[in-house]
Amino acid sequence: MRALPIRNAQRGLPLQAAVHLAGWAETGGQAKQLVQAGQIQVNGSVETRRSHFVRLGDILKWEGEELELTSDDH
């Protein structure tokens, strides 16, 4: 499992943005399609709402790759 460090991790960010930041999609539009197609899991459950907020400690999974949201706050 790899880490995905994000700023303001306590506040979180939309799932679509996290998918894009993870490098699983080249554009926001591609990230939207992955999420809405039910291809992304959040903490073991399929999540189809691209605006769903993911937060520090959440585990995202796509095509067998897992990543955990970690803090990049300085």
PDB file of N, CA and C in Angstrom:
ATOM      1  N   MET A   1       0.852  -1.177   0.000  1.00  0.00           N
ATOM      2  CA  MET A   1       0.000   0.000   0.000  1.00  0.00           C
ATOM      3  C   MET A   1       0.891   1.230   0.000  1.00  0.00           C
ATOM      4  N   ARG A   2       0.530   2.176  -0.851  1.00  0.00           N
ATOM      5  CA  ARG A   2       1.304   3.413  -0.873  1.00  0.00           C
ATOM      6  C   ARG A   2       0.510   4.537  -0.222  1.00  0.00           C
ATOM      7  N   ALA A   3       1.199   5.595   0.129  1.00  0.00           N
ATOM      8  CA  ALA A   3       0.568   6.741   0.773  1.00  0.00           C
ATOM      9  C   ALA A   3       0.264   7.817  -0.264  1.00  0.00           C
ATOM     10  N   LEU A   4      -0.826   8.542  -0.044  1.00  0.00           N
ATOM     11  CA  LEU A   4      -1.167   9.701  -0.856  1.00  0.00           C
ATOM     12  C   LEU A   4      -1.231  10.893   0.094  1.00  0.00           C
ATOM     13  N   PRO A   5      -0.115  11.634   0.202  1.00  0.00           N
ATOM     14  CA  PRO A   5      -0.103  12.783   1.109  1.00  0.00           C
ATOM     15  C   PRO A   5      -0.903  13.951   0.525  1.00  0.00           C
ATOM     16  N   ILE A   6      -1.795  14.499   1.350  1.00  0.00           N
ATOM     17  CA  ILE A   6      -2.581  15.650   0.923  1.00  0.00           C
ATOM     18  C   ILE A   6      -2.532  16.739   1.987  1.00  0.00           C
ATOM     19  N   ARG A   7      -2.667  17.978   1.537  1.00  0.00           N
ATOM     20  CA  ARG A   7      -2.724  19.099   2.475  1.00  0.00           C
ATOM     21  C   ARG A   7      -4.132  19.198   3.031  1.00  0.00           C
ATOM     22  N   ASN A   8      -4.233  19.744   4.221  1.00  0.00           N
ATOM     23  CA  ASN A   8      -5.530  19.869   4.897  1.00  0.00           C
ATOM     24  C   ASN A   8      -6.240  18.518   4.975  1.00  0.00           C
ATOM     25  N   ALA A   9      -5.484  17.491   5.334  1.00  0.00           N
ATOM     26  CA  ALA A   9      -6.004  16.128   5.347  1.00  0.00           C
ATOM     27  C   ALA A   9      -7.192  15.966   6.295  1.00  0.00           C
ATOM     28  N   GLN A  10      -7.232  16.726   7.353  1.00  0.00           N
ATOM     29  CA  GLN A  10      -8.353  16.622   8.283  1.00  0.00           C
ATOM     30  C   GLN A  10      -9.643  17.067   7.622  1.00  0.00           C
ATOM     31  N   ARG A  11      -9.552  18.079   6.755  1.00  0.00           N
ATOM     32  CA  ARG A  11     -10.726  18.573   6.047  1.00  0.00           C
ATOM     33  C   ARG A  11     -11.118  17.627   4.915  1.00  0.00           C
ATOM     34  N   GLY A  12     -10.127  17.003   4.301  1.00  0.00           N
ATOM     35  CA  GLY A  12     -10.374  16.059   3.231  1.00  0.00           C
ATOM     36  C   GLY A  12     -10.456  16.716   1.861  1.00  0.00           C
ATOM     37  N   LEU A  13     -10.824  15.894   0.875  1.00  0.00           N
ATOM     38  CA  LEU A  13     -10.999  16.382  -0.484  1.00  0.00           C
ATOM     39  C   LEU A  13     -11.966  15.464  -1.212  1.00  0.00           C
ATOM     40  N   PRO A  14     -12.582  15.957  -2.280  1.00  0.00           N
ATOM     41  CA  PRO A  14     -13.527  15.128  -3.013  1.00  0.00           C
ATOM     42  C   PRO A  14     -12.836  13.889  -3.589  1.00  0.00           C
ATOM     43  N   LEU A  15     -13.570  12.800  -3.629  1.00  0.00           N
ATOM     44  CA  LEU A  15     -13.030  11.545  -4.141  1.00  0.00           C
ATOM     45  C   LEU A  15     -12.483  11.716  -5.552  1.00  0.00           C
ATOM     46  N   GLN A  16     -13.193  12.431  -6.390  1.00  0.00           N
ATOM     47  CA  GLN A  16     -12.742  12.639  -7.770  1.00  0.00           C
ATOM     48  C   GLN A  16     -11.353  13.279  -7.786  1.00  0.00           C
ATOM     49  N   ALA A  17     -11.104  14.249  -6.923  1.00  0.00           N
ATOM     50  CA  ALA A  17      -9.797  14.903  -6.860  1.00  0.00           C
ATOM     51  C   ALA A  17      -8.727  13.937  -6.367  1.00  0.00           C
ATOM     52  N   ALA A  18      -9.064  13.100  -5.400  1.00  0.00           N
ATOM     53  CA  ALA A  18      -8.100  12.132  -4.880  1.00  0.00           C
ATOM     54  C   ALA A  18      -7.705  11.122  -5.948  1.00  0.00           C
ATOM     55  N   VAL A  19      -8.675  10.679  -6.744  1.00  0.00           N
ATOM     56  CA  VAL A  19      -8.397   9.733  -7.832  1.00  0.00           C
ATOM     57  C   VAL A  19      -7.442  10.367  -8.837  1.00  0.00           C
ATOM     58  N   HIS A  20      -7.659  11.633  -9.136  1.00  0.00           N
ATOM     59  CA  HIS A  20      -6.778  12.344 -10.067  1.00  0.00           C
ATOM     60  C   HIS A  20      -5.386  12.519  -9.456  1.00  0.00           C
ATOM     61  N   LEU A  21      -5.308  12.949  -8.195  1.00  0.00           N
ATOM     62  CA  LEU A  21      -4.013  13.126  -7.525  1.00  0.00           C
ATOM     63  C   LEU A  21      -3.239  11.818  -7.408  1.00  0.00           C
ATOM     64  N   ALA A  22      -3.957  10.715  -7.275  1.00  0.00           N
ATOM     65  CA  ALA A  22      -3.315   9.399  -7.152  1.00  0.00           C
ATOM     66  C   ALA A  22      -2.660   8.974  -8.466  1.00  0.00           C
ATOM     67  N   GLY A  23      -3.033   9.647  -9.558  1.00  0.00           N
ATOM     68  CA  GLY A  23      -2.489   9.274 -10.857  1.00  0.00           C
ATOM     69  C   GLY A  23      -3.272   8.173 -11.536  1.00  0.00           C
ATOM     70  N   TRP A  24      -4.448   7.865 -11.003  1.00  0.00           N
ATOM     71  CA  TRP A  24      -5.282   6.823 -11.595  1.00  0.00           C
ATOM     72  C   TRP A  24      -6.051   7.348 -12.797  1.00  0.00           C
ATOM     73  N   ALA A  25      -6.090   8.663 -12.955  1.00  0.00           N
ATOM     74  CA  ALA A  25      -6.747   9.299 -14.090  1.00  0.00           C
ATOM     75  C   ALA A  25      -5.913  10.505 -14.494  1.00  0.00           C
ATOM     76  N   GLU A  26      -5.796  10.720 -15.799  1.00  0.00           N
ATOM     77  CA  GLU A  26      -5.008  11.852 -16.290  1.00  0.00           C
ATOM     78  C   GLU A  26      -5.753  13.174 -16.173  1.00  0.00           C
ATOM     79  N   THR A  27      -7.069  13.119 -16.180  1.00  0.00           N
ATOM     80  CA  THR A  27      -7.873  14.343 -16.102  1.00  0.00           C
ATOM     81  C   THR A  27      -8.979  14.174 -15.069  1.00  0.00           C
ATOM     82  N   GLY A  28      -9.561  15.295 -14.687  1.00  0.00           N
ATOM     83  CA  GLY A  28     -10.696  15.243 -13.777  1.00  0.00           C
ATOM     84  C   GLY A  28     -11.879  14.514 -14.387  1.00  0.00           C
ATOM     85  N   GLY A  29     -12.051  14.664 -15.705  1.00  0.00           N
ATOM     86  CA  GLY A  29     -13.137  13.971 -16.389  1.00  0.00           C
ATOM     87  C   GLY A  29     -12.977  12.461 -16.346  1.00  0.00           C
ATOM     88  N   GLN A  30     -11.742  11.994 -16.520  1.00  0.00           N
ATOM     89  CA  GLN A  30     -11.486  10.558 -16.433  1.00  0.00           C
ATOM     90  C   GLN A  30     -11.716  10.064 -15.010  1.00  0.00           C
ATOM     91  N   ALA A  31     -11.316  10.870 -14.018  1.00  0.00           N
ATOM     92  CA  ALA A  31     -11.535  10.505 -12.616  1.00  0.00           C
ATOM     93  C   ALA A  31     -13.033  10.393 -12.334  1.00  0.00           C
ATOM     94  N   LYS A  32     -13.801  11.330 -12.866  1.00  0.00           N
ATOM     95  CA  LYS A  32     -15.252  11.309 -12.710  1.00  0.00           C
ATOM     96  C   LYS A  32     -15.839  10.008 -13.269  1.00  0.00           C
ATOM     97  N   GLN A  33     -15.379   9.605 -14.434  1.00  0.00           N
ATOM     98  CA  GLN A  33     -15.884   8.384 -15.058  1.00  0.00           C
ATOM     99  C   GLN A  33     -15.547   7.151 -14.227  1.00  0.00           C
ATOM    100  N   LEU A  34     -14.323   7.085 -13.692  1.00  0.00           N
ATOM    101  CA  LEU A  34     -13.937   5.933 -12.860  1.00  0.00           C
ATOM    102  C   LEU A  34     -14.833   5.821 -11.637  1.00  0.00           C
ATOM    103  N   VAL A  35     -15.062   6.959 -10.990  1.00  0.00           N
ATOM    104  CA  VAL A  35     -15.878   6.954  -9.775  1.00  0.00           C
ATOM    105  C   VAL A  35     -17.315   6.585 -10.101  1.00  0.00           C
ATOM    106  N   GLN A  36     -17.905   7.246 -11.078  1.00  0.00           N
ATOM    107  CA  GLN A  36     -19.303   7.005 -11.395  1.00  0.00           C
ATOM    108  C   GLN A  36     -19.550   5.596 -11.943  1.00  0.00           C
ATOM    109  N   ALA A  37     -18.515   4.968 -12.502  1.00  0.00           N
ATOM    110  CA  ALA A  37     -18.643   3.598 -13.007  1.00  0.00           C
ATOM    111  C   ALA A  37     -18.508   2.558 -11.897  1.00  0.00           C
ATOM    112  N   GLY A  38     -18.271   3.013 -10.666  1.00  0.00           N
ATOM    113  CA  GLY A  38     -18.169   2.087  -9.538  1.00  0.00           C
ATOM    114  C   GLY A  38     -16.847   1.344  -9.476  1.00  0.00           C
ATOM    115  N   GLN A  39     -15.791   1.933 -10.031  1.00  0.00           N
ATOM    116  CA  GLN A  39     -14.493   1.269 -10.062  1.00  0.00           C
ATOM    117  C   GLN A  39     -13.606   1.603  -8.871  1.00  0.00           C
ATOM    118  N   ILE A  40     -14.015   2.542  -8.036  1.00  0.00           N
ATOM    119  CA  ILE A  40     -13.204   2.974  -6.894  1.00  0.00           C
ATOM    120  C   ILE A  40     -13.861   2.518  -5.598  1.00  0.00           C
ATOM    121  N   GLN A  41     -13.048   1.942  -4.720  1.00  0.00           N
ATOM    122  CA  GLN A  41     -13.525   1.572  -3.386  1.00  0.00           C
ATOM    123  C   GLN A  41     -12.924   2.535  -2.367  1.00  0.00           C
ATOM    124  N   VAL A  42     -13.736   2.878  -1.382  1.00  0.00           N
ATOM    125  CA  VAL A  42     -13.282   3.691  -0.252  1.00  0.00           C
ATOM    126  C   VAL A  42     -13.539   2.877   1.001  1.00  0.00           C
ATOM    127  N   ASN A  43     -12.486   2.553   1.702  1.00  0.00           N
ATOM    128  CA  ASN A  43     -12.578   1.756   2.933  1.00  0.00           C
ATOM    129  C   ASN A  43     -13.359   0.457   2.709  1.00  0.00           C
ATOM    130  N   GLY A  44     -13.114  -0.172   1.556  1.00  0.00           N
ATOM    131  CA  GLY A  44     -13.691  -1.477   1.274  1.00  0.00           C
ATOM    132  C   GLY A  44     -15.062  -1.481   0.628  1.00  0.00           C
ATOM    133  N   SER A  45     -15.643  -0.300   0.416  1.00  0.00           N
ATOM    134  CA  SER A  45     -16.965  -0.214  -0.207  1.00  0.00           C
ATOM    135  C   SER A  45     -16.890   0.596  -1.493  1.00  0.00           C
ATOM    136  N   VAL A  46     -17.628   0.172  -2.500  1.00  0.00           N
ATOM    137  CA  VAL A  46     -17.688   0.919  -3.751  1.00  0.00           C
ATOM    138  C   VAL A  46     -18.351   2.264  -3.487  1.00  0.00           C
ATOM    139  N   GLU A  47     -17.752   3.322  -4.016  1.00  0.00           N
ATOM    140  CA  GLU A  47     -18.294   4.670  -3.857  1.00  0.00           C
ATOM    141  C   GLU A  47     -18.478   5.273  -5.243  1.00  0.00           C
ATOM    142  N   THR A  48     -19.694   5.669  -5.578  1.00  0.00           N
ATOM    143  CA  THR A  48     -19.974   6.216  -6.902  1.00  0.00           C
ATOM    144  C   THR A  48     -20.230   7.724  -6.882  1.00  0.00           C
ATOM    145  N   ARG A  49     -20.196   8.330  -5.705  1.00  0.00           N
ATOM    146  CA  ARG A  49     -20.391   9.785  -5.610  1.00  0.00           C
ATOM    147  C   ARG A  49     -19.030  10.469  -5.710  1.00  0.00           C
ATOM    148  N   ARG A  50     -18.797  11.167  -6.809  1.00  0.00           N
ATOM    149  CA  ARG A  50     -17.488  11.790  -7.013  1.00  0.00           C
ATOM    150  C   ARG A  50     -17.237  12.907  -6.018  1.00  0.00           C
ATOM    151  N   SER A  51     -18.298  13.480  -5.450  1.00  0.00           N
ATOM    152  CA  SER A  51     -18.137  14.555  -4.475  1.00  0.00           C
ATOM    153  C   SER A  51     -17.968  14.030  -3.047  1.00  0.00           C
ATOM    154  N   HIS A  52     -18.018  12.704  -2.869  1.00  0.00           N
ATOM    155  CA  HIS A  52     -17.807  12.106  -1.543  1.00  0.00           C
ATOM    156  C   HIS A  52     -16.450  12.565  -1.013  1.00  0.00           C
ATOM    157  N   PHE A  53     -16.413  13.102   0.199  1.00  0.00           N
ATOM    158  CA  PHE A  53     -15.151  13.583   0.759  1.00  0.00           C
ATOM    159  C   PHE A  53     -14.387  12.432   1.406  1.00  0.00           C
ATOM    160  N   VAL A  54     -13.120  12.292   1.026  1.00  0.00           N
ATOM    161  CA  VAL A  54     -12.229  11.327   1.652  1.00  0.00           C
ATOM    162  C   VAL A  54     -11.310  12.092   2.588  1.00  0.00           C
ATOM    163  N   ARG A  55     -10.928  11.439   3.666  1.00  0.00           N
ATOM    164  CA  ARG A  55     -10.169  12.123   4.713  1.00  0.00           C
ATOM    165  C   ARG A  55      -8.965  11.288   5.160  1.00  0.00           C
ATOM    166  N   LEU A  56      -8.185  11.895   5.996  1.00  0.00           N
ATOM    167  CA  LEU A  56      -6.994  11.278   6.570  1.00  0.00           C
ATOM    168  C   LEU A  56      -7.305   9.866   7.063  1.00  0.00           C
ATOM    169  N   GLY A  57      -6.509   8.901   6.600  1.00  0.00           N
ATOM    170  CA  GLY A  57      -6.664   7.520   7.029  1.00  0.00           C
ATOM    171  C   GLY A  57      -7.550   6.680   6.131  1.00  0.00           C
ATOM    172  N   ASP A  58      -8.303   7.308   5.230  1.00  0.00           N
ATOM    173  CA  ASP A  58      -9.143   6.534   4.313  1.00  0.00           C
ATOM    174  C   ASP A  58      -8.268   5.725   3.358  1.00  0.00           C
ATOM    175  N   ILE A  59      -8.755   4.555   2.989  1.00  0.00           N
ATOM    176  CA  ILE A  59      -8.055   3.665   2.065  1.00  0.00           C
ATOM    177  C   ILE A  59      -8.836   3.629   0.750  1.00  0.00           C
ATOM    178  N   LEU A  60      -8.158   3.979  -0.336  1.00  0.00           N
ATOM    179  CA  LEU A  60      -8.765   3.937  -1.666  1.00  0.00           C
ATOM    180  C   LEU A  60      -8.195   2.741  -2.411  1.00  0.00           C
ATOM    181  N   LYS A  61      -9.019   2.117  -3.244  1.00  0.00           N
ATOM    182  CA  LYS A  61      -8.572   0.953  -4.000  1.00  0.00           C
ATOM    183  C   LYS A  61      -9.102   1.028  -5.427  1.00  0.00           C
ATOM    184  N   TRP A  62      -8.219   0.714  -6.376  1.00  0.00           N
ATOM    185  CA  TRP A  62      -8.582   0.656  -7.791  1.00  0.00           C
ATOM    186  C   TRP A  62      -7.661  -0.343  -8.473  1.00  0.00           C
ATOM    187  N   GLU A  63      -8.240  -1.278  -9.190  1.00  0.00           N
ATOM    188  CA  GLU A  63      -7.498  -2.301  -9.934  1.00  0.00           C
ATOM    189  C   GLU A  63      -6.396  -2.957  -9.102  1.00  0.00           C
ATOM    190  N   GLY A  64      -6.725  -3.299  -7.872  1.00  0.00           N
ATOM    191  CA  GLY A  64      -5.796  -4.007  -7.005  1.00  0.00           C
ATOM    192  C   GLY A  64      -4.780  -3.129  -6.290  1.00  0.00           C
ATOM    193  N   GLU A  65      -4.715  -1.847  -6.634  1.00  0.00           N
ATOM    194  CA  GLU A  65      -3.773  -0.941  -5.964  1.00  0.00           C
ATOM    195  C   GLU A  65      -4.500  -0.221  -4.837  1.00  0.00           C
ATOM    196  N   GLU A  66      -3.861  -0.173  -3.677  1.00  0.00           N
ATOM    197  CA  GLU A  66      -4.431   0.515  -2.529  1.00  0.00           C
ATOM    198  C   GLU A  66      -3.544   1.676  -2.130  1.00  0.00           C
ATOM    199  N   LEU A  67      -4.190   2.741  -1.673  1.00  0.00           N
ATOM    200  CA  LEU A  67      -3.422   3.844  -1.110  1.00  0.00           C
ATOM    201  C   LEU A  67      -4.165   4.428   0.073  1.00  0.00           C
ATOM    202  N   GLU A  68      -3.393   4.967   0.987  1.00  0.00           N
ATOM    203  CA  GLU A  68      -3.945   5.548   2.193  1.00  0.00           C
ATOM    204  C   GLU A  68      -3.686   7.041   2.171  1.00  0.00           C
ATOM    205  N   LEU A  69      -4.720   7.822   2.496  1.00  0.00           N
ATOM    206  CA  LEU A  69      -4.556   9.264   2.564  1.00  0.00           C
ATOM    207  C   LEU A  69      -3.799   9.623   3.835  1.00  0.00           C
ATOM    208  N   THR A  70      -2.724  10.347   3.653  1.00  0.00           N
ATOM    209  CA  THR A  70      -1.889  10.775   4.762  1.00  0.00           C
ATOM    210  C   THR A  70      -1.768  12.301   4.721  1.00  0.00           C
ATOM    211  N   SER A  71      -1.248  12.876   5.765  1.00  0.00           N
ATOM    212  CA  SER A  71      -1.144  14.325   5.870  1.00  0.00           C
ATOM    213  C   SER A  71       0.159  14.830   5.256  1.00  0.00           C
ATOM    214  N   ASP A  72       0.043  15.931   4.534  1.00  0.00           N
ATOM    215  CA  ASP A  72       1.213  16.630   3.984  1.00  0.00           C
ATOM    216  C   ASP A  72       1.310  18.020   4.607  1.00  0.00           C
ATOM    217  N   ASP A  73       0.620  18.215   5.726  1.00  0.00           N
ATOM    218  CA  ASP A  73       0.627  19.528   6.391  1.00  0.00           C
ATOM    219  C   ASP A  73       1.958  19.739   7.091  1.00  0.00           C
ATOM    220  N   HIS A  74       2.444  20.954   6.954  1.00  0.00           N
ATOM    221  CA  HIS A  74       3.743  21.287   7.572  1.00  0.00           C
ATOM    222  C   HIS A  74       3.552  22.154   8.773  1.00  0.00           C
TER     223      HIS A  74
END
